[in-house]
Amino acid sequence: MAGFIHLYTGNGKGKTTAAMGLAIRAVGAGKKVFMAQFVKGMHYSELDALKNIEAIELKQYGLDCFIVNTPTQKDIDAARKGLADVAAIIDQGRYDLVVLDEICIALYYKLFDVEDVIKILTNKPAEMEIVLTGRYAPSPLYEIADLVTEMTEIKHYYQKGVEGRKGIEF
């Protein structure tokens, strides 16, 4: 079966959630999943859920949440280590589905170059499915992706001052 590249982007909520839903579906079909979370280093409730699913391996390549600040050299180093790990994982072909969560945000903050990501994607095993998520996807990712979904925010309760809630946003 041919594997495709998915891109879930846009300012709307649900990109990571959609990727995790696909990961759970893949596990239900007997597939193995690797999920790399770029930028994210904080604890999110999905970590608790996914640690109970043996067929999903998840690694975070973020230190904290620098989104409101400027990335430090440590943030850059963590992201680049993650990209190197992902390149090796994709090259080894041990997983059926690889999710690169928030890779678009890592690119937006210039933690690594889009050309490096494209090189990894073009060298993927033919049967491997890869999902890229995050706001601000650069145009080269639109071009290489086989499926592009833009989440569009129409209305959000954040605009009414509602803070993120455990189990819903984190």
N, C-alpha and C. Protein backbone atom coordinates (compact mmCIF):
# COMPACT_ATOMS: atom_id res chain seq x y z
N MET A 1 0.84 -1.18 0.00
CA MET A 1 0.00 0.00 0.00
C MET A 1 0.89 1.24 0.00
N ALA A 2 0.59 2.19 -0.84
CA ALA A 2 1.36 3.43 -0.93
C ALA A 2 1.10 4.28 0.31
N GLY A 3 2.14 4.95 0.77
CA GLY A 3 2.02 5.88 1.89
C GLY A 3 2.06 7.31 1.37
N PHE A 4 1.32 8.19 2.03
CA PHE A 4 1.21 9.56 1.58
C PHE A 4 1.68 10.53 2.66
N ILE A 5 1.85 11.78 2.26
CA ILE A 5 2.23 12.85 3.17
C ILE A 5 1.01 13.73 3.39
N HIS A 6 0.64 13.89 4.66
CA HIS A 6 -0.48 14.73 5.05
C HIS A 6 0.06 16.02 5.67
N LEU A 7 -0.62 17.11 5.45
CA LEU A 7 -0.30 18.38 6.09
C LEU A 7 -1.57 18.93 6.71
N TYR A 8 -1.55 19.09 8.05
CA TYR A 8 -2.67 19.68 8.78
C TYR A 8 -2.17 21.02 9.30
N THR A 9 -2.70 22.11 8.77
CA THR A 9 -2.21 23.44 9.11
C THR A 9 -3.37 24.39 9.29
N GLY A 10 -3.08 25.67 9.45
CA GLY A 10 -4.10 26.70 9.62
C GLY A 10 -4.20 27.16 11.05
N ASN A 11 -4.98 28.23 11.26
CA ASN A 11 -5.10 28.83 12.59
C ASN A 11 -6.19 28.20 13.45
N GLY A 12 -6.93 27.28 12.91
CA GLY A 12 -7.99 26.65 13.68
C GLY A 12 -7.47 25.56 14.61
N LYS A 13 -8.27 25.23 15.59
CA LYS A 13 -7.95 24.20 16.58
C LYS A 13 -8.16 22.81 15.96
N GLY A 14 -7.34 21.85 16.34
CA GLY A 14 -7.60 20.46 15.97
C GLY A 14 -6.55 19.76 15.14
N LYS A 15 -5.43 20.40 14.87
CA LYS A 15 -4.40 19.77 14.02
C LYS A 15 -3.75 18.58 14.71
N THR A 16 -3.29 18.79 15.93
CA THR A 16 -2.68 17.69 16.69
C THR A 16 -3.72 16.62 16.99
N THR A 17 -4.92 17.04 17.33
CA THR A 17 -6.00 16.09 17.63
C THR A 17 -6.30 15.21 16.43
N ALA A 18 -6.33 15.80 15.24
CA ALA A 18 -6.57 15.02 14.02
C ALA A 18 -5.44 14.02 13.79
N ALA A 19 -4.21 14.46 14.00
CA ALA A 19 -3.07 13.56 13.82
C ALA A 19 -3.12 12.40 14.82
N MET A 20 -3.50 12.69 16.05
CA MET A 20 -3.59 11.64 17.06
C MET A 20 -4.74 10.68 16.77
N GLY A 21 -5.82 11.21 16.24
CA GLY A 21 -6.92 10.34 15.84
C GLY A 21 -6.49 9.37 14.75
N LEU A 22 -5.73 9.87 13.78
CA LEU A 22 -5.21 9.00 12.73
C LEU A 22 -4.25 7.97 13.31
N ALA A 23 -3.43 8.39 14.27
CA ALA A 23 -2.49 7.46 14.92
C ALA A 23 -3.24 6.33 15.61
N ILE A 24 -4.30 6.67 16.31
CA ILE A 24 -5.10 5.64 16.99
C ILE A 24 -5.77 4.72 15.98
N ARG A 25 -6.27 5.29 14.90
CA ARG A 25 -6.87 4.47 13.83
C ARG A 25 -5.83 3.50 13.26
N ALA A 26 -4.62 4.00 13.03
CA ALA A 26 -3.55 3.16 12.48
C ALA A 26 -3.23 2.01 13.43
N VAL A 27 -3.15 2.30 14.72
CA VAL A 27 -2.89 1.24 15.71
C VAL A 27 -4.00 0.21 15.68
N GLY A 28 -5.23 0.67 15.54
CA GLY A 28 -6.37 -0.25 15.44
C GLY A 28 -6.27 -1.19 14.26
N ALA A 29 -5.53 -0.77 13.25
CA ALA A 29 -5.32 -1.61 12.06
C ALA A 29 -4.01 -2.39 12.14
N GLY A 30 -3.39 -2.40 13.33
CA GLY A 30 -2.17 -3.19 13.52
C GLY A 30 -0.89 -2.49 13.10
N LYS A 31 -0.93 -1.18 12.92
CA LYS A 31 0.25 -0.45 12.46
C LYS A 31 1.02 0.12 13.65
N LYS A 32 2.31 0.38 13.40
CA LYS A 32 3.17 0.99 14.40
C LYS A 32 3.33 2.47 14.09
N VAL A 33 3.32 3.30 15.15
CA VAL A 33 3.32 4.76 14.99
C VAL A 33 4.43 5.39 15.81
N PHE A 34 5.11 6.35 15.19
CA PHE A 34 6.07 7.20 15.91
C PHE A 34 5.57 8.63 15.80
N MET A 35 5.54 9.31 16.92
CA MET A 35 5.11 10.70 16.94
C MET A 35 6.19 11.55 17.57
N ALA A 36 6.67 12.53 16.83
CA ALA A 36 7.64 13.50 17.33
C ALA A 36 6.91 14.81 17.53
N GLN A 37 7.00 15.37 18.73
CA GLN A 37 6.41 16.67 18.99
C GLN A 37 7.52 17.71 19.05
N PHE A 38 7.52 18.59 18.06
CA PHE A 38 8.49 19.68 18.04
C PHE A 38 7.92 20.84 18.84
N VAL A 39 8.82 21.60 19.45
CA VAL A 39 8.48 22.80 20.21
C VAL A 39 7.83 22.44 21.55
N LYS A 40 6.96 21.47 21.57
CA LYS A 40 6.25 21.11 22.80
C LYS A 40 7.19 20.38 23.77
N GLY A 41 7.23 20.89 24.99
CA GLY A 41 8.00 20.23 26.04
C GLY A 41 7.20 20.15 27.32
N MET A 42 6.09 20.87 27.33
CA MET A 42 5.24 20.87 28.51
C MET A 42 4.44 19.57 28.56
N HIS A 43 3.81 19.32 29.69
CA HIS A 43 2.98 18.13 29.83
C HIS A 43 1.60 18.40 29.25
N TYR A 44 1.17 17.54 28.35
CA TYR A 44 -0.16 17.60 27.75
C TYR A 44 -0.87 16.30 28.07
N SER A 45 -2.17 16.34 28.21
CA SER A 45 -2.93 15.14 28.59
C SER A 45 -2.79 14.00 27.60
N GLU A 46 -2.55 14.32 26.31
CA GLU A 46 -2.40 13.24 25.34
C GLU A 46 -1.20 12.35 25.66
N LEU A 47 -0.21 12.90 26.36
CA LEU A 47 0.94 12.08 26.75
C LEU A 47 0.50 10.95 27.67
N ASP A 48 -0.40 11.26 28.60
CA ASP A 48 -0.90 10.25 29.52
C ASP A 48 -1.69 9.17 28.78
N ALA A 49 -2.51 9.57 27.82
CA ALA A 49 -3.31 8.61 27.06
C ALA A 49 -2.43 7.73 26.18
N LEU A 50 -1.49 8.36 25.48
CA LEU A 50 -0.69 7.60 24.51
C LEU A 50 0.32 6.67 25.16
N LYS A 51 0.74 6.96 26.39
CA LYS A 51 1.70 6.05 27.03
C LYS A 51 1.09 4.69 27.33
N ASN A 52 -0.24 4.61 27.26
CA ASN A 52 -0.93 3.33 27.46
C ASN A 52 -1.14 2.56 26.16
N ILE A 53 -0.68 3.12 25.05
CA ILE A 53 -0.81 2.44 23.75
C ILE A 53 0.59 2.07 23.29
N GLU A 54 0.93 0.80 23.44
CA GLU A 54 2.29 0.33 23.15
C GLU A 54 2.73 0.57 21.71
N ALA A 55 1.81 0.55 20.77
CA ALA A 55 2.17 0.67 19.36
C ALA A 55 2.45 2.11 18.94
N ILE A 56 2.31 3.07 19.88
CA ILE A 56 2.62 4.47 19.59
C ILE A 56 3.80 4.88 20.46
N GLU A 57 4.87 5.29 19.82
CA GLU A 57 6.01 5.85 20.54
C GLU A 57 5.99 7.36 20.33
N LEU A 58 6.05 8.11 21.41
CA LEU A 58 6.00 9.56 21.33
C LEU A 58 7.23 10.15 22.03
N LYS A 59 7.89 11.08 21.35
CA LYS A 59 9.02 11.80 21.93
C LYS A 59 8.81 13.29 21.72
N GLN A 60 9.10 14.06 22.76
CA GLN A 60 9.01 15.51 22.66
C GLN A 60 10.40 16.09 22.42
N TYR A 61 10.46 17.05 21.51
CA TYR A 61 11.70 17.73 21.18
C TYR A 61 11.58 19.23 21.44
N GLY A 62 10.90 19.55 22.51
CA GLY A 62 10.79 20.92 22.97
C GLY A 62 11.15 20.95 24.44
N LEU A 63 11.50 22.11 24.94
CA LEU A 63 11.94 22.22 26.33
C LEU A 63 10.86 22.82 27.21
N ASP A 64 10.13 23.75 26.69
CA ASP A 64 9.09 24.45 27.43
C ASP A 64 8.20 25.07 26.38
N CYS A 65 7.68 26.21 26.65
CA CYS A 65 6.85 26.88 25.65
C CYS A 65 7.44 28.26 25.40
N PHE A 66 8.27 28.37 24.38
CA PHE A 66 8.92 29.64 24.08
C PHE A 66 8.09 30.52 23.17
N ILE A 67 6.92 30.08 22.78
CA ILE A 67 6.13 30.77 21.76
C ILE A 67 5.94 32.25 22.11
N VAL A 68 5.87 32.58 23.39
CA VAL A 68 5.71 33.99 23.77
C VAL A 68 7.06 34.69 23.89
N ASN A 69 8.13 33.95 23.75
CA ASN A 69 9.48 34.51 23.84
C ASN A 69 10.25 34.18 22.56
N THR A 70 11.53 34.47 22.58
CA THR A 70 12.40 34.11 21.47
C THR A 70 13.03 32.76 21.77
N PRO A 71 13.11 31.87 20.78
CA PRO A 71 13.75 30.57 21.03
C PRO A 71 15.22 30.77 21.44
N THR A 72 15.64 29.97 22.39
CA THR A 72 17.03 30.00 22.84
C THR A 72 17.83 29.00 22.01
N GLN A 73 19.14 29.01 22.20
CA GLN A 73 19.98 28.03 21.52
C GLN A 73 19.61 26.61 21.95
N LYS A 74 19.20 26.46 23.21
CA LYS A 74 18.78 25.14 23.69
C LYS A 74 17.51 24.67 22.96
N ASP A 75 16.59 25.60 22.68
CA ASP A 75 15.39 25.27 21.91
C ASP A 75 15.78 24.81 20.51
N ILE A 76 16.68 25.54 19.89
CA ILE A 76 17.15 25.21 18.55
C ILE A 76 17.83 23.85 18.54
N ASP A 77 18.70 23.61 19.52
CA ASP A 77 19.41 22.33 19.61
C ASP A 77 18.44 21.17 19.79
N ALA A 78 17.41 21.35 20.64
CA ALA A 78 16.43 20.28 20.88
C ALA A 78 15.67 19.97 19.59
N ALA A 79 15.28 21.01 18.86
CA ALA A 79 14.54 20.79 17.61
C ALA A 79 15.41 20.10 16.57
N ARG A 80 16.66 20.50 16.48
CA ARG A 80 17.56 19.89 15.49
C ARG A 80 17.87 18.45 15.85
N LYS A 81 17.97 18.14 17.14
CA LYS A 81 18.15 16.74 17.55
C LYS A 81 16.91 15.94 17.14
N GLY A 82 15.74 16.54 17.35
CA GLY A 82 14.51 15.87 16.95
C GLY A 82 14.46 15.60 15.46
N LEU A 83 14.88 16.57 14.66
CA LEU A 83 14.87 16.38 13.21
C LEU A 83 15.85 15.29 12.81
N ALA A 84 17.01 15.24 13.45
CA ALA A 84 17.99 14.18 13.15
C ALA A 84 17.43 12.82 13.56
N ASP A 85 16.78 12.74 14.72
CA ASP A 85 16.16 11.49 15.16
C ASP A 85 15.09 11.04 14.17
N VAL A 86 14.24 11.99 13.75
CA VAL A 86 13.16 11.68 12.82
C VAL A 86 13.73 11.18 11.49
N ALA A 87 14.78 11.82 11.01
CA ALA A 87 15.40 11.39 9.75
C ALA A 87 15.85 9.94 9.86
N ALA A 88 16.48 9.58 10.97
CA ALA A 88 16.93 8.20 11.17
C ALA A 88 15.75 7.25 11.28
N ILE A 89 14.72 7.65 11.99
CA ILE A 89 13.54 6.80 12.18
C ILE A 89 12.84 6.55 10.85
N ILE A 90 12.70 7.59 10.04
CA ILE A 90 12.07 7.44 8.73
C ILE A 90 12.93 6.56 7.84
N ASP A 91 14.22 6.77 7.87
CA ASP A 91 15.15 5.99 7.06
C ASP A 91 15.11 4.50 7.42
N GLN A 92 14.97 4.20 8.71
CA GLN A 92 14.93 2.80 9.17
C GLN A 92 13.64 2.09 8.74
N GLY A 93 12.57 2.84 8.57
CA GLY A 93 11.33 2.25 8.09
C GLY A 93 10.63 1.31 9.05
N ARG A 94 10.87 1.45 10.36
CA ARG A 94 10.26 0.55 11.34
C ARG A 94 8.81 0.90 11.66
N TYR A 95 8.39 2.10 11.29
CA TYR A 95 7.03 2.56 11.60
C TYR A 95 6.22 2.70 10.33
N ASP A 96 4.92 2.48 10.48
CA ASP A 96 4.00 2.63 9.35
C ASP A 96 3.53 4.07 9.21
N LEU A 97 3.41 4.76 10.33
CA LEU A 97 2.94 6.14 10.37
C LEU A 97 3.89 6.94 11.24
N VAL A 98 4.35 8.08 10.73
CA VAL A 98 5.19 8.99 11.49
C VAL A 98 4.51 10.34 11.51
N VAL A 99 4.29 10.86 12.71
CA VAL A 99 3.64 12.15 12.89
C VAL A 99 4.70 13.16 13.35
N LEU A 100 4.81 14.26 12.63
CA LEU A 100 5.74 15.34 12.98
C LEU A 100 4.89 16.51 13.47
N ASP A 101 4.50 16.43 14.73
CA ASP A 101 3.59 17.39 15.32
C ASP A 101 4.29 18.72 15.56
N GLU A 102 3.67 19.79 15.13
CA GLU A 102 4.17 21.17 15.27
C GLU A 102 5.47 21.43 14.50
N ILE A 103 5.75 20.62 13.50
CA ILE A 103 6.96 20.86 12.70
C ILE A 103 6.86 22.20 11.96
N CYS A 104 5.64 22.61 11.62
CA CYS A 104 5.48 23.89 10.92
C CYS A 104 5.83 25.06 11.84
N ILE A 105 5.52 24.95 13.12
CA ILE A 105 5.90 26.00 14.08
C ILE A 105 7.42 26.04 14.22
N ALA A 106 8.05 24.86 14.27
CA ALA A 106 9.52 24.82 14.33
C ALA A 106 10.12 25.51 13.11
N LEU A 107 9.52 25.30 11.94
CA LEU A 107 10.00 25.97 10.74
C LEU A 107 9.74 27.47 10.79
N TYR A 108 8.58 27.85 11.27
CA TYR A 108 8.22 29.27 11.39
C TYR A 108 9.24 30.02 12.25
N TYR A 109 9.68 29.39 13.34
CA TYR A 109 10.66 30.00 14.23
C TYR A 109 12.11 29.74 13.80
N LYS A 110 12.26 29.15 12.61
CA LYS A 110 13.57 28.92 12.00
C LYS A 110 14.50 28.08 12.89
N LEU A 111 13.91 27.06 13.53
CA LEU A 111 14.71 26.14 14.34
C LEU A 111 15.53 25.22 13.45
N PHE A 112 15.06 25.01 12.22
CA PHE A 112 15.80 24.31 11.17
C PHE A 112 15.19 24.74 9.84
N ASP A 113 15.78 24.28 8.75
CA ASP A 113 15.38 24.74 7.41
C ASP A 113 14.37 23.81 6.75
N VAL A 114 13.46 24.39 5.98
CA VAL A 114 12.46 23.61 5.26
C VAL A 114 13.12 22.65 4.27
N GLU A 115 14.26 23.04 3.71
CA GLU A 115 14.96 22.16 2.76
C GLU A 115 15.37 20.84 3.43
N ASP A 116 15.74 20.91 4.71
CA ASP A 116 16.10 19.69 5.45
C ASP A 116 14.89 18.79 5.63
N VAL A 117 13.75 19.38 5.89
CA VAL A 117 12.51 18.61 6.06
C VAL A 117 12.12 17.97 4.72
N ILE A 118 12.19 18.74 3.64
CA ILE A 118 11.85 18.22 2.31
C ILE A 118 12.74 17.04 1.95
N LYS A 119 14.02 17.15 2.25
CA LYS A 119 14.95 16.05 1.95
C LYS A 119 14.53 14.77 2.70
N ILE A 120 14.17 14.91 3.95
CA ILE A 120 13.72 13.75 4.74
C ILE A 120 12.45 13.16 4.13
N LEU A 121 11.52 14.02 3.76
CA LEU A 121 10.24 13.55 3.21
C LEU A 121 10.41 12.86 1.86
N THR A 122 11.29 13.37 1.03
CA THR A 122 11.48 12.76 -0.29
C THR A 122 12.21 11.42 -0.21
N ASN A 123 12.86 11.16 0.92
CA ASN A 123 13.58 9.89 1.09
C ASN A 123 12.80 8.87 1.93
N LYS A 124 11.53 9.15 2.19
CA LYS A 124 10.75 8.23 3.03
C LYS A 124 10.49 6.92 2.29
N PRO A 125 10.34 5.82 3.02
CA PRO A 125 9.92 4.57 2.37
C PRO A 125 8.56 4.77 1.69
N ALA A 126 8.37 4.16 0.56
CA ALA A 126 7.17 4.38 -0.27
C ALA A 126 5.87 4.05 0.48
N GLU A 127 5.90 3.07 1.38
CA GLU A 127 4.68 2.65 2.05
C GLU A 127 4.42 3.42 3.36
N MET A 128 5.34 4.28 3.78
CA MET A 128 5.19 5.01 5.05
C MET A 128 4.27 6.23 4.88
N GLU A 129 3.38 6.39 5.83
CA GLU A 129 2.49 7.55 5.89
C GLU A 129 3.14 8.56 6.84
N ILE A 130 3.15 9.83 6.46
CA ILE A 130 3.73 10.87 7.31
C ILE A 130 2.74 12.01 7.44
N VAL A 131 2.57 12.48 8.68
CA VAL A 131 1.68 13.60 8.95
C VAL A 131 2.51 14.75 9.52
N LEU A 132 2.33 15.93 8.94
CA LEU A 132 2.97 17.16 9.41
C LEU A 132 1.88 18.06 9.98
N THR A 133 2.12 18.67 11.15
CA THR A 133 1.11 19.57 11.70
C THR A 133 1.75 20.90 12.08
N GLY A 134 0.87 21.88 12.27
CA GLY A 134 1.28 23.17 12.80
C GLY A 134 0.82 24.34 11.94
N ARG A 135 0.66 25.45 12.59
CA ARG A 135 0.32 26.70 11.90
C ARG A 135 1.47 27.15 11.01
N TYR A 136 1.14 28.01 10.10
CA TYR A 136 2.15 28.71 9.28
C TYR A 136 2.98 27.77 8.41
N ALA A 137 2.37 26.77 7.85
CA ALA A 137 3.12 25.85 6.98
C ALA A 137 3.70 26.62 5.80
N PRO A 138 4.99 26.43 5.52
CA PRO A 138 5.58 27.09 4.37
C PRO A 138 5.12 26.43 3.07
N SER A 139 5.11 27.19 1.99
CA SER A 139 4.59 26.69 0.72
C SER A 139 5.26 25.42 0.21
N PRO A 140 6.57 25.19 0.44
CA PRO A 140 7.14 23.92 -0.03
C PRO A 140 6.47 22.69 0.59
N LEU A 141 5.91 22.82 1.79
CA LEU A 141 5.21 21.67 2.39
C LEU A 141 3.87 21.45 1.70
N TYR A 142 3.20 22.52 1.29
CA TYR A 142 1.97 22.38 0.52
C TYR A 142 2.25 21.62 -0.77
N GLU A 143 3.37 21.92 -1.38
CA GLU A 143 3.72 21.31 -2.66
C GLU A 143 4.05 19.83 -2.54
N ILE A 144 4.76 19.45 -1.49
CA ILE A 144 5.18 18.04 -1.36
C ILE A 144 4.07 17.17 -0.78
N ALA A 145 3.14 17.76 -0.04
CA ALA A 145 2.07 16.98 0.60
C ALA A 145 1.10 16.43 -0.43
N ASP A 146 0.59 15.24 -0.14
CA ASP A 146 -0.43 14.61 -0.97
C ASP A 146 -1.83 15.00 -0.51
N LEU A 147 -1.95 15.37 0.76
CA LEU A 147 -3.21 15.77 1.35
C LEU A 147 -2.94 17.00 2.20
N VAL A 148 -3.68 18.06 1.99
CA VAL A 148 -3.53 19.28 2.78
C VAL A 148 -4.89 19.65 3.36
N THR A 149 -4.93 19.80 4.68
CA THR A 149 -6.13 20.25 5.36
C THR A 149 -5.77 21.51 6.13
N GLU A 150 -6.51 22.57 5.88
CA GLU A 150 -6.35 23.81 6.63
C GLU A 150 -7.49 23.93 7.62
N MET A 151 -7.13 23.99 8.90
CA MET A 151 -8.11 24.22 9.95
C MET A 151 -8.33 25.73 10.02
N THR A 152 -9.55 26.16 9.81
CA THR A 152 -9.87 27.58 9.81
C THR A 152 -10.64 27.94 11.07
N GLU A 153 -10.13 28.90 11.80
CA GLU A 153 -10.85 29.36 12.99
C GLU A 153 -11.95 30.30 12.57
N ILE A 154 -13.18 29.93 12.85
CA ILE A 154 -14.34 30.76 12.57
C ILE A 154 -14.74 31.50 13.84
N LYS A 155 -14.71 30.76 14.94
CA LYS A 155 -15.10 31.30 16.24
C LYS A 155 -14.37 30.48 17.29
N HIS A 156 -13.92 31.13 18.35
CA HIS A 156 -13.20 30.41 19.40
C HIS A 156 -13.51 31.05 20.75
N TYR A 157 -13.73 30.23 21.75
CA TYR A 157 -14.04 30.74 23.08
C TYR A 157 -12.86 31.45 23.74
N TYR A 158 -11.66 31.30 23.22
CA TYR A 158 -10.52 32.11 23.70
C TYR A 158 -10.84 33.60 23.57
N GLN A 159 -11.57 33.94 22.50
CA GLN A 159 -11.91 35.34 22.26
C GLN A 159 -12.81 35.91 23.36
N LYS A 160 -13.41 35.03 24.15
CA LYS A 160 -14.24 35.46 25.28
C LYS A 160 -13.46 35.36 26.60
N GLY A 161 -12.16 35.12 26.50
CA GLY A 161 -11.31 35.07 27.68
C GLY A 161 -11.19 33.70 28.33
N VAL A 162 -11.70 32.64 27.69
CA VAL A 162 -11.62 31.30 28.26
C VAL A 162 -10.18 30.80 28.11
N GLU A 163 -9.59 30.40 29.21
CA GLU A 163 -8.22 29.85 29.20
C GLU A 163 -8.25 28.39 28.74
N GLY A 164 -7.08 27.87 28.36
CA GLY A 164 -6.97 26.47 27.99
C GLY A 164 -7.39 25.58 29.14
N ARG A 165 -8.09 24.48 28.81
CA ARG A 165 -8.62 23.58 29.82
C ARG A 165 -7.97 22.21 29.70
N LYS A 166 -7.63 21.64 30.84
CA LYS A 166 -7.01 20.31 30.87
C LYS A 166 -7.96 19.29 30.25
N GLY A 167 -7.42 18.48 29.37
CA GLY A 167 -8.20 17.46 28.72
C GLY A 167 -8.89 17.94 27.44
N ILE A 168 -8.90 19.25 27.22
CA ILE A 168 -9.47 19.80 25.99
C ILE A 168 -8.39 20.48 25.17
N GLU A 169 -7.68 21.45 25.74
CA GLU A 169 -6.59 22.13 25.03
C GLU A 169 -5.22 21.61 25.40
N PHE A 170 -5.09 21.01 26.57
CA PHE A 170 -3.79 20.47 26.98
C PHE A 170 -3.95 19.24 27.84
